[in-house]
């Protein structure tokens, strides 16, 4: 599933966590957890860990800025992530 997630991110289209969840047949909350795990492992970079649908103060450092609306996360592949999906 991690590989599929990375492929979706590689596609370059801005995806809401709900769109990714639908594509992977998982919950939106699981999408966030997978993204955090992949970020911690060095495959992803991007949206701030503090993002919260209720609280927007954690979004000040997020690359998505005010366009996020808490349901869209902007993730990018690190070099490690790019290598993982090029296999």
PDB file of N, CA and C in Angstrom:
ATOM      1  N   UNK A   1       0.815  -1.191   0.000  1.00  0.00           N
ATOM      2  CA  UNK A   1       0.000   0.000   0.000  1.00  0.00           C
ATOM      3  C   UNK A   1       0.861   1.259   0.000  1.00  0.00           C
ATOM      4  N   UNK A   2       2.023   1.200   0.684  1.00  0.00           N
ATOM      5  CA  UNK A   2       2.899   2.369   0.713  1.00  0.00           C
ATOM      6  C   UNK A   2       3.350   2.733  -0.703  1.00  0.00           C
ATOM      7  N   UNK A   3       3.665   1.711  -1.492  1.00  0.00           N
ATOM      8  CA  UNK A   3       4.114   1.955  -2.859  1.00  0.00           C
ATOM      9  C   UNK A   3       3.006   2.631  -3.678  1.00  0.00           C
ATOM     10  N   UNK A   4       1.780   2.173  -3.529  1.00  0.00           N
ATOM     11  CA  UNK A   4       0.650   2.789  -4.240  1.00  0.00           C
ATOM     12  C   UNK A   4       0.472   4.241  -3.808  1.00  0.00           C
ATOM     13  N   UNK A   5       0.611   4.503  -2.526  1.00  0.00           N
ATOM     14  CA  UNK A   5       0.496   5.865  -2.007  1.00  0.00           C
ATOM     15  C   UNK A   5       1.558   6.751  -2.655  1.00  0.00           C
ATOM     16  N   UNK A   6       2.788   6.266  -2.705  1.00  0.00           N
ATOM     17  CA  UNK A   6       3.877   7.032  -3.310  1.00  0.00           C
ATOM     18  C   UNK A   6       3.622   7.276  -4.798  1.00  0.00           C
ATOM     19  N   UNK A   7       3.040   6.315  -5.479  1.00  0.00           N
ATOM     20  CA  UNK A   7       2.724   6.492  -6.891  1.00  0.00           C
ATOM     21  C   UNK A   7       1.673   7.581  -7.094  1.00  0.00           C
ATOM     22  N   UNK A   8       0.700   7.643  -6.207  1.00  0.00           N
ATOM     23  CA  UNK A   8      -0.327   8.690  -6.288  1.00  0.00           C
ATOM     24  C   UNK A   8       0.316  10.054  -6.099  1.00  0.00           C
ATOM     25  N   UNK A   9       1.198  10.154  -5.126  1.00  0.00           N
ATOM     26  CA  UNK A   9       1.898  11.427  -4.893  1.00  0.00           C
ATOM     27  C   UNK A   9       2.749  11.783  -6.100  1.00  0.00           C
ATOM     28  N   UNK A  10       3.421  10.797  -6.672  1.00  0.00           N
ATOM     29  CA  UNK A  10       4.274  11.036  -7.842  1.00  0.00           C
ATOM     30  C   UNK A  10       3.482  11.568  -9.030  1.00  0.00           C
ATOM     31  N   UNK A  11       2.214  11.209  -9.119  1.00  0.00           N
ATOM     32  CA  UNK A  11       1.403  11.656 -10.256  1.00  0.00           C
ATOM     33  C   UNK A  11       1.337  13.178 -10.353  1.00  0.00           C
ATOM     34  N   UNK A  12       1.590  13.864  -9.228  1.00  0.00           N
ATOM     35  CA  UNK A  12       1.674  15.317  -9.259  1.00  0.00           C
ATOM     36  C   UNK A  12       0.368  16.051  -9.090  1.00  0.00           C
ATOM     37  N   UNK A  13      -0.742  15.388  -9.200  1.00  0.00           N
ATOM     38  CA  UNK A  13      -2.034  16.049  -9.031  1.00  0.00           C
ATOM     39  C   UNK A  13      -2.277  16.278  -7.542  1.00  0.00           C
ATOM     40  N   UNK A  14      -2.802  17.438  -7.208  1.00  0.00           N
ATOM     41  CA  UNK A  14      -3.155  17.686  -5.813  1.00  0.00           C
ATOM     42  C   UNK A  14      -4.328  16.793  -5.476  1.00  0.00           C
ATOM     43  N   UNK A  15      -4.168  16.006  -4.466  1.00  0.00           N
ATOM     44  CA  UNK A  15      -5.183  15.034  -4.081  1.00  0.00           C
ATOM     45  C   UNK A  15      -5.660  15.342  -2.670  1.00  0.00           C
ATOM     46  N   UNK A  16      -6.952  15.304  -2.439  1.00  0.00           N
ATOM     47  CA  UNK A  16      -7.430  15.413  -1.067  1.00  0.00           C
ATOM     48  C   UNK A  16      -7.221  14.074  -0.393  1.00  0.00           C
ATOM     49  N   UNK A  17      -7.165  14.091   0.914  1.00  0.00           N
ATOM     50  CA  UNK A  17      -7.008  12.817   1.622  1.00  0.00           C
ATOM     51  C   UNK A  17      -8.192  11.910   1.328  1.00  0.00           C
ATOM     52  N   UNK A  18      -9.336  12.493   0.992  1.00  0.00           N
ATOM     53  CA  UNK A  18     -10.524  11.697   0.684  1.00  0.00           C
ATOM     54  C   UNK A  18     -10.391  11.022  -0.678  1.00  0.00           C
ATOM     55  N   UNK A  19      -9.795  11.714  -1.650  1.00  0.00           N
ATOM     56  CA  UNK A  19      -9.568  11.105  -2.967  1.00  0.00           C
ATOM     57  C   UNK A  19      -8.562   9.962  -2.876  1.00  0.00           C
ATOM     58  N   UNK A  20      -7.501  10.189  -2.113  1.00  0.00           N
ATOM     59  CA  UNK A  20      -6.501   9.136  -1.943  1.00  0.00           C
ATOM     60  C   UNK A  20      -7.117   7.946  -1.215  1.00  0.00           C
ATOM     61  N   UNK A  21      -7.907   8.232  -0.189  1.00  0.00           N
ATOM     62  CA  UNK A  21      -8.571   7.161   0.564  1.00  0.00           C
ATOM     63  C   UNK A  21      -9.448   6.320  -0.349  1.00  0.00           C
ATOM     64  N   UNK A  22     -10.170   6.986  -1.229  1.00  0.00           N
ATOM     65  CA  UNK A  22     -11.044   6.266  -2.152  1.00  0.00           C
ATOM     66  C   UNK A  22     -10.227   5.389  -3.105  1.00  0.00           C
ATOM     67  N   UNK A  23      -9.130   5.942  -3.623  1.00  0.00           N
ATOM     68  CA  UNK A  23      -8.292   5.178  -4.551  1.00  0.00           C
ATOM     69  C   UNK A  23      -7.670   3.956  -3.888  1.00  0.00           C
ATOM     70  N   UNK A  24      -7.331   4.085  -2.610  1.00  0.00           N
ATOM     71  CA  UNK A  24      -6.691   2.985  -1.898  1.00  0.00           C
ATOM     72  C   UNK A  24      -7.677   2.133  -1.098  1.00  0.00           C
ATOM     73  N   UNK A  25      -8.943   2.547  -1.108  1.00  0.00           N
ATOM     74  CA  UNK A  25      -9.987   1.845  -0.367  1.00  0.00           C
ATOM     75  C   UNK A  25      -9.671   1.761   1.139  1.00  0.00           C
ATOM     76  N   UNK A  26      -9.279   2.912   1.690  1.00  0.00           N
ATOM     77  CA  UNK A  26      -8.985   3.033   3.115  1.00  0.00           C
ATOM     78  C   UNK A  26      -9.649   4.302   3.644  1.00  0.00           C
ATOM     79  N   UNK A  27      -9.607   4.509   4.944  1.00  0.00           N
ATOM     80  CA  UNK A  27     -10.212   5.702   5.531  1.00  0.00           C
ATOM     81  C   UNK A  27      -9.302   6.913   5.336  1.00  0.00           C
ATOM     82  N   UNK A  28      -9.888   8.131   5.313  1.00  0.00           N
ATOM     83  CA  UNK A  28      -9.073   9.345   5.228  1.00  0.00           C
ATOM     84  C   UNK A  28      -8.086   9.467   6.392  1.00  0.00           C
ATOM     85  N   UNK A  29      -8.477   8.994   7.549  1.00  0.00           N
ATOM     86  CA  UNK A  29      -7.576   9.024   8.702  1.00  0.00           C
ATOM     87  C   UNK A  29      -6.357   8.140   8.474  1.00  0.00           C
ATOM     88  N   UNK A  30      -6.570   7.008   7.798  1.00  0.00           N
ATOM     89  CA  UNK A  30      -5.461   6.108   7.479  1.00  0.00           C
ATOM     90  C   UNK A  30      -4.512   6.768   6.478  1.00  0.00           C
ATOM     91  N   UNK A  31      -5.051   7.561   5.560  1.00  0.00           N
ATOM     92  CA  UNK A  31      -4.220   8.294   4.606  1.00  0.00           C
ATOM     93  C   UNK A  31      -3.246   9.195   5.365  1.00  0.00           C
ATOM     94  N   UNK A  32      -3.765   9.917   6.343  1.00  0.00           N
ATOM     95  CA  UNK A  32      -2.927  10.814   7.137  1.00  0.00           C
ATOM     96  C   UNK A  32      -1.863  10.020   7.877  1.00  0.00           C
ATOM     97  N   UNK A  33      -2.237   8.889   8.443  1.00  0.00           N
ATOM     98  CA  UNK A  33      -1.278   8.059   9.176  1.00  0.00           C
ATOM     99  C   UNK A  33      -0.193   7.520   8.247  1.00  0.00           C
ATOM    100  N   UNK A  34      -0.582   7.077   7.064  1.00  0.00           N
ATOM    101  CA  UNK A  34       0.401   6.573   6.102  1.00  0.00           C
ATOM    102  C   UNK A  34       1.350   7.691   5.701  1.00  0.00           C
ATOM    103  N   UNK A  35       0.815   8.877   5.449  1.00  0.00           N
ATOM    104  CA  UNK A  35       1.657  10.011   5.071  1.00  0.00           C
ATOM    105  C   UNK A  35       2.644  10.346   6.181  1.00  0.00           C
ATOM    106  N   UNK A  36       2.199  10.315   7.408  1.00  0.00           N
ATOM    107  CA  UNK A  36       3.101  10.588   8.537  1.00  0.00           C
ATOM    108  C   UNK A  36       4.190   9.520   8.629  1.00  0.00           C
ATOM    109  N   UNK A  37       3.807   8.277   8.428  1.00  0.00           N
ATOM    110  CA  UNK A  37       4.766   7.187   8.495  1.00  0.00           C
ATOM    111  C   UNK A  37       5.798   7.301   7.372  1.00  0.00           C
ATOM    112  N   UNK A  38       5.333   7.573   6.166  1.00  0.00           N
ATOM    113  CA  UNK A  38       6.249   7.714   5.038  1.00  0.00           C
ATOM    114  C   UNK A  38       7.152   8.929   5.202  1.00  0.00           C
ATOM    115  N   UNK A  39       6.641   9.979   5.816  1.00  0.00           N
ATOM    116  CA  UNK A  39       7.457  11.157   6.094  1.00  0.00           C
ATOM    117  C   UNK A  39       8.538  10.809   7.115  1.00  0.00           C
ATOM    118  N   UNK A  40       8.142  10.114   8.168  1.00  0.00           N
ATOM    119  CA  UNK A  40       9.104   9.716   9.203  1.00  0.00           C
ATOM    120  C   UNK A  40      10.187   8.791   8.645  1.00  0.00           C
ATOM    121  N   UNK A  41       9.833   7.987   7.655  1.00  0.00           N
ATOM    122  CA  UNK A  41      10.793   7.053   7.051  1.00  0.00           C
ATOM    123  C   UNK A  41      11.637   7.708   5.961  1.00  0.00           C
ATOM    124  N   UNK A  42      11.330   8.970   5.644  1.00  0.00           N
ATOM    125  CA  UNK A  42      12.137   9.701   4.676  1.00  0.00           C
ATOM    126  C   UNK A  42      11.708   9.597   3.231  1.00  0.00           C
ATOM    127  N   UNK A  43      10.503   9.093   2.973  1.00  0.00           N
ATOM    128  CA  UNK A  43      10.013   8.958   1.600  1.00  0.00           C
ATOM    129  C   UNK A  43       9.213  10.175   1.137  1.00  0.00           C
ATOM    130  N   UNK A  44       8.604  10.891   2.060  1.00  0.00           N
ATOM    131  CA  UNK A  44       7.763  12.049   1.738  1.00  0.00           C
ATOM    132  C   UNK A  44       8.255  13.272   2.478  1.00  0.00           C
ATOM    133  N   UNK A  45       7.927  14.418   1.906  1.00  0.00           N
ATOM    134  CA  UNK A  45       8.115  15.691   2.579  1.00  0.00           C
ATOM    135  C   UNK A  45       6.922  16.555   2.211  1.00  0.00           C
ATOM    136  N   UNK A  46       6.623  17.515   3.034  1.00  0.00           N
ATOM    137  CA  UNK A  46       5.516  18.392   2.671  1.00  0.00           C
ATOM    138  C   UNK A  46       4.725  18.906   3.827  1.00  0.00           C
ATOM    139  N   UNK A  47       3.447  18.613   3.819  1.00  0.00           N
ATOM    140  CA  UNK A  47       2.498  19.195   4.765  1.00  0.00           C
ATOM    141  C   UNK A  47       2.961  19.062   6.208  1.00  0.00           C
ATOM    142  N   UNK A  48       2.700  20.107   6.963  1.00  0.00           N
ATOM    143  CA  UNK A  48       3.103  20.155   8.368  1.00  0.00           C
ATOM    144  C   UNK A  48       2.387  19.082   9.170  1.00  0.00           C
ATOM    145  N   UNK A  49       3.094  18.496  10.123  1.00  0.00           N
ATOM    146  CA  UNK A  49       2.519  17.479  10.986  1.00  0.00           C
ATOM    147  C   UNK A  49       1.391  18.019  11.855  1.00  0.00           C
ATOM    148  N   UNK A  50       1.403  19.325  12.096  1.00  0.00           N
ATOM    149  CA  UNK A  50       0.427  19.903  13.005  1.00  0.00           C
ATOM    150  C   UNK A  50      -0.922  20.201  12.356  1.00  0.00           C
ATOM    151  N   UNK A  51      -1.102  19.884  11.093  1.00  0.00           N
ATOM    152  CA  UNK A  51      -2.362  20.184  10.417  1.00  0.00           C
ATOM    153  C   UNK A  51      -3.536  19.562  11.161  1.00  0.00           C
ATOM    154  N   UNK A  52      -4.581  20.325  11.300  1.00  0.00           N
ATOM    155  CA  UNK A  52      -5.759  19.858  12.005  1.00  0.00           C
ATOM    156  C   UNK A  52      -6.990  20.453  11.348  1.00  0.00           C
ATOM    157  N   UNK A  53      -8.027  19.654  11.109  1.00  0.00           N
ATOM    158  CA  UNK A  53      -9.235  20.186  10.482  1.00  0.00           C
ATOM    159  C   UNK A  53      -9.955  21.206  11.352  1.00  0.00           C
ATOM    160  N   UNK A  54      -9.723  21.197  12.644  1.00  0.00           N
ATOM    161  CA  UNK A  54     -10.407  22.122  13.543  1.00  0.00           C
ATOM    162  C   UNK A  54      -9.567  23.360  13.780  1.00  0.00           C
ATOM    163  N   UNK A  55      -8.280  23.172  13.905  1.00  0.00           N
ATOM    164  CA  UNK A  55      -7.377  24.242  14.277  1.00  0.00           C
ATOM    165  C   UNK A  55      -6.490  24.591  13.090  1.00  0.00           C
ATOM    166  N   UNK A  56      -6.470  25.836  12.657  1.00  0.00           N
ATOM    167  CA  UNK A  56      -5.658  26.209  11.507  1.00  0.00           C
ATOM    168  C   UNK A  56      -4.322  26.812  11.902  1.00  0.00           C
ATOM    169  N   UNK A  57      -4.076  27.031  13.188  1.00  0.00           N
ATOM    170  CA  UNK A  57      -2.823  27.654  13.603  1.00  0.00           C
ATOM    171  C   UNK A  57      -1.611  26.796  13.258  1.00  0.00           C
ATOM    172  N   UNK A  58      -1.764  25.490  13.187  1.00  0.00           N
ATOM    173  CA  UNK A  58      -0.656  24.605  12.853  1.00  0.00           C
ATOM    174  C   UNK A  58      -0.286  24.643  11.395  1.00  0.00           C
ATOM    175  N   UNK A  59      -1.079  25.297  10.576  1.00  0.00           N
ATOM    176  CA  UNK A  59      -0.856  25.319   9.133  1.00  0.00           C
ATOM    177  C   UNK A  59       0.065  26.450   8.673  1.00  0.00           C
ATOM    178  N   UNK A  60       0.493  27.309   9.595  1.00  0.00           N
ATOM    179  CA  UNK A  60       1.274  28.472   9.199  1.00  0.00           C
ATOM    180  C   UNK A  60       2.566  28.101   8.475  1.00  0.00           C
ATOM    181  N   UNK A  61       3.182  26.962   8.796  1.00  0.00           N
ATOM    182  CA  UNK A  61       4.415  26.552   8.138  1.00  0.00           C
ATOM    183  C   UNK A  61       4.215  25.587   6.993  1.00  0.00           C
ATOM    184  N   UNK A  62       2.982  25.276   6.678  1.00  0.00           N
ATOM    185  CA  UNK A  62       2.678  24.289   5.648  1.00  0.00           C
ATOM    186  C   UNK A  62       2.869  24.867   4.253  1.00  0.00           C
ATOM    187  N   UNK A  63       3.491  24.110   3.334  1.00  0.00           N
ATOM    188  CA  UNK A  63       3.675  24.601   1.973  1.00  0.00           C
ATOM    189  C   UNK A  63       2.366  24.810   1.215  1.00  0.00           C
ATOM    190  N   UNK A  64       1.290  24.203   1.649  1.00  0.00           N
ATOM    191  CA  UNK A  64       0.001  24.392   0.977  1.00  0.00           C
ATOM    192  C   UNK A  64      -0.637  25.719   1.368  1.00  0.00           C
ATOM    193  N   UNK A  65      -0.189  26.287   2.483  1.00  0.00           N
ATOM    194  CA  UNK A  65      -0.705  27.572   2.931  1.00  0.00           C
ATOM    195  C   UNK A  65      -2.199  27.574   3.125  1.00  0.00           C
ATOM    196  N   UNK A  66      -2.831  28.677   2.777  1.00  0.00           N
ATOM    197  CA  UNK A  66      -4.268  28.809   2.997  1.00  0.00           C
ATOM    198  C   UNK A  66      -5.093  28.025   1.982  1.00  0.00           C
ATOM    199  N   UNK A  67      -4.468  27.443   0.971  1.00  0.00           N
ATOM    200  CA  UNK A  67      -5.194  26.671  -0.043  1.00  0.00           C
ATOM    201  C   UNK A  67      -5.559  25.281   0.452  1.00  0.00           C
ATOM    202  N   UNK A  68      -5.049  24.902   1.599  1.00  0.00           N
ATOM    203  CA  UNK A  68      -5.198  23.531   2.086  1.00  0.00           C
ATOM    204  C   UNK A  68      -6.624  23.180   2.483  1.00  0.00           C
ATOM    205  N   UNK A  69      -7.263  23.985   3.257  1.00  0.00           N
ATOM    206  CA  UNK A  69      -8.606  23.716   3.775  1.00  0.00           C
ATOM    207  C   UNK A  69      -8.662  22.416   4.557  1.00  0.00           C
ATOM    208  N   UNK A  70      -7.539  21.974   5.066  1.00  0.00           N
ATOM    209  CA  UNK A  70      -7.395  20.806   5.933  1.00  0.00           C
ATOM    210  C   UNK A  70      -7.797  19.478   5.313  1.00  0.00           C
ATOM    211  N   UNK A  71      -8.365  19.465   4.132  1.00  0.00           N
ATOM    212  CA  UNK A  71      -8.697  18.180   3.518  1.00  0.00           C
ATOM    213  C   UNK A  71      -7.753  17.854   2.370  1.00  0.00           C
ATOM    214  N   UNK A  72      -6.914  18.812   2.017  1.00  0.00           N
ATOM    215  CA  UNK A  72      -5.945  18.580   0.950  1.00  0.00           C
ATOM    216  C   UNK A  72      -4.559  18.752   1.540  1.00  0.00           C
ATOM    217  N   UNK A  73      -3.737  17.770   1.352  1.00  0.00           N
ATOM    218  CA  UNK A  73      -2.365  17.839   1.833  1.00  0.00           C
ATOM    219  C   UNK A  73      -1.437  17.833   0.643  1.00  0.00           C
ATOM    220  N   UNK A  74      -0.402  18.635   0.727  1.00  0.00           N
ATOM    221  CA  UNK A  74       0.568  18.669  -0.345  1.00  0.00           C
ATOM    222  C   UNK A  74       1.791  17.904   0.103  1.00  0.00           C
ATOM    223  N   UNK A  75       2.030  16.785  -0.534  1.00  0.00           N
ATOM    224  CA  UNK A  75       3.195  15.977  -0.238  1.00  0.00           C
ATOM    225  C   UNK A  75       4.057  15.894  -1.473  1.00  0.00           C
ATOM    226  N   UNK A  76       5.321  15.798  -1.253  1.00  0.00           N
ATOM    227  CA  UNK A  76       6.256  15.598  -2.348  1.00  0.00           C
ATOM    228  C   UNK A  76       7.171  14.441  -2.016  1.00  0.00           C
ATOM    229  N   UNK A  77       7.685  13.808  -3.040  1.00  0.00           N
ATOM    230  CA  UNK A  77       8.599  12.695  -2.830  1.00  0.00           C
ATOM    231  C   UNK A  77       9.994  13.221  -2.555  1.00  0.00           C
ATOM    232  N   UNK A  78      10.668  12.617  -1.618  1.00  0.00           N
ATOM    233  CA  UNK A  78      12.078  12.876  -1.396  1.00  0.00           C
ATOM    234  C   UNK A  78      12.852  12.066  -2.431  1.00  0.00           C
ATOM    235  N   UNK A  79      14.159  12.210  -2.446  1.00  0.00           N
ATOM    236  CA  UNK A  79      14.966  11.384  -3.354  1.00  0.00           C
ATOM    237  C   UNK A  79      14.745   9.902  -3.066  1.00  0.00           C
ATOM    238  N   UNK A  80      14.655   9.554  -1.797  1.00  0.00           N
ATOM    239  CA  UNK A  80      14.395   8.171  -1.399  1.00  0.00           C
ATOM    240  C   UNK A  80      13.040   7.703  -1.923  1.00  0.00           C
ATOM    241  N   UNK A  81      12.030   8.571  -1.857  1.00  0.00           N
ATOM    242  CA  UNK A  81      10.707   8.249  -2.365  1.00  0.00           C
ATOM    243  C   UNK A  81      10.698   8.075  -3.876  1.00  0.00           C
ATOM    244  N   UNK A  82      11.436   8.941  -4.572  1.00  0.00           N
ATOM    245  CA  UNK A  82      11.522   8.843  -6.031  1.00  0.00           C
ATOM    246  C   UNK A  82      12.159   7.525  -6.439  1.00  0.00           C
ATOM    247  N   UNK A  83      13.195   7.126  -5.719  1.00  0.00           N
ATOM    248  CA  UNK A  83      13.850   5.852  -6.025  1.00  0.00           C
ATOM    249  C   UNK A  83      12.908   4.676  -5.773  1.00  0.00           C
ATOM    250  N   UNK A  84      12.098   4.778  -4.731  1.00  0.00           N
ATOM    251  CA  UNK A  84      11.181   3.691  -4.394  1.00  0.00           C
ATOM    252  C   UNK A  84      10.123   3.468  -5.470  1.00  0.00           C
ATOM    253  N   UNK A  85       9.645   4.534  -6.101  1.00  0.00           N
ATOM    254  CA  UNK A  85       8.598   4.360  -7.120  1.00  0.00           C
ATOM    255  C   UNK A  85       9.172   4.163  -8.518  1.00  0.00           C
ATOM    256  N   UNK A  86      10.470   4.349  -8.675  1.00  0.00           N
ATOM    257  CA  UNK A  86      11.053   4.128 -10.000  1.00  0.00           C
ATOM    258  C   UNK A  86      11.438   2.678 -10.212  1.00  0.00           C
ATOM    259  N   UNK A  87      11.283   1.867  -9.181  1.00  0.00           N
ATOM    260  CA  UNK A  87      11.638   0.441  -9.267  1.00  0.00           C
ATOM    261  C   UNK A  87      10.582  -0.306 -10.039  1.00  0.00           C
TER     262      UNK A  87
END
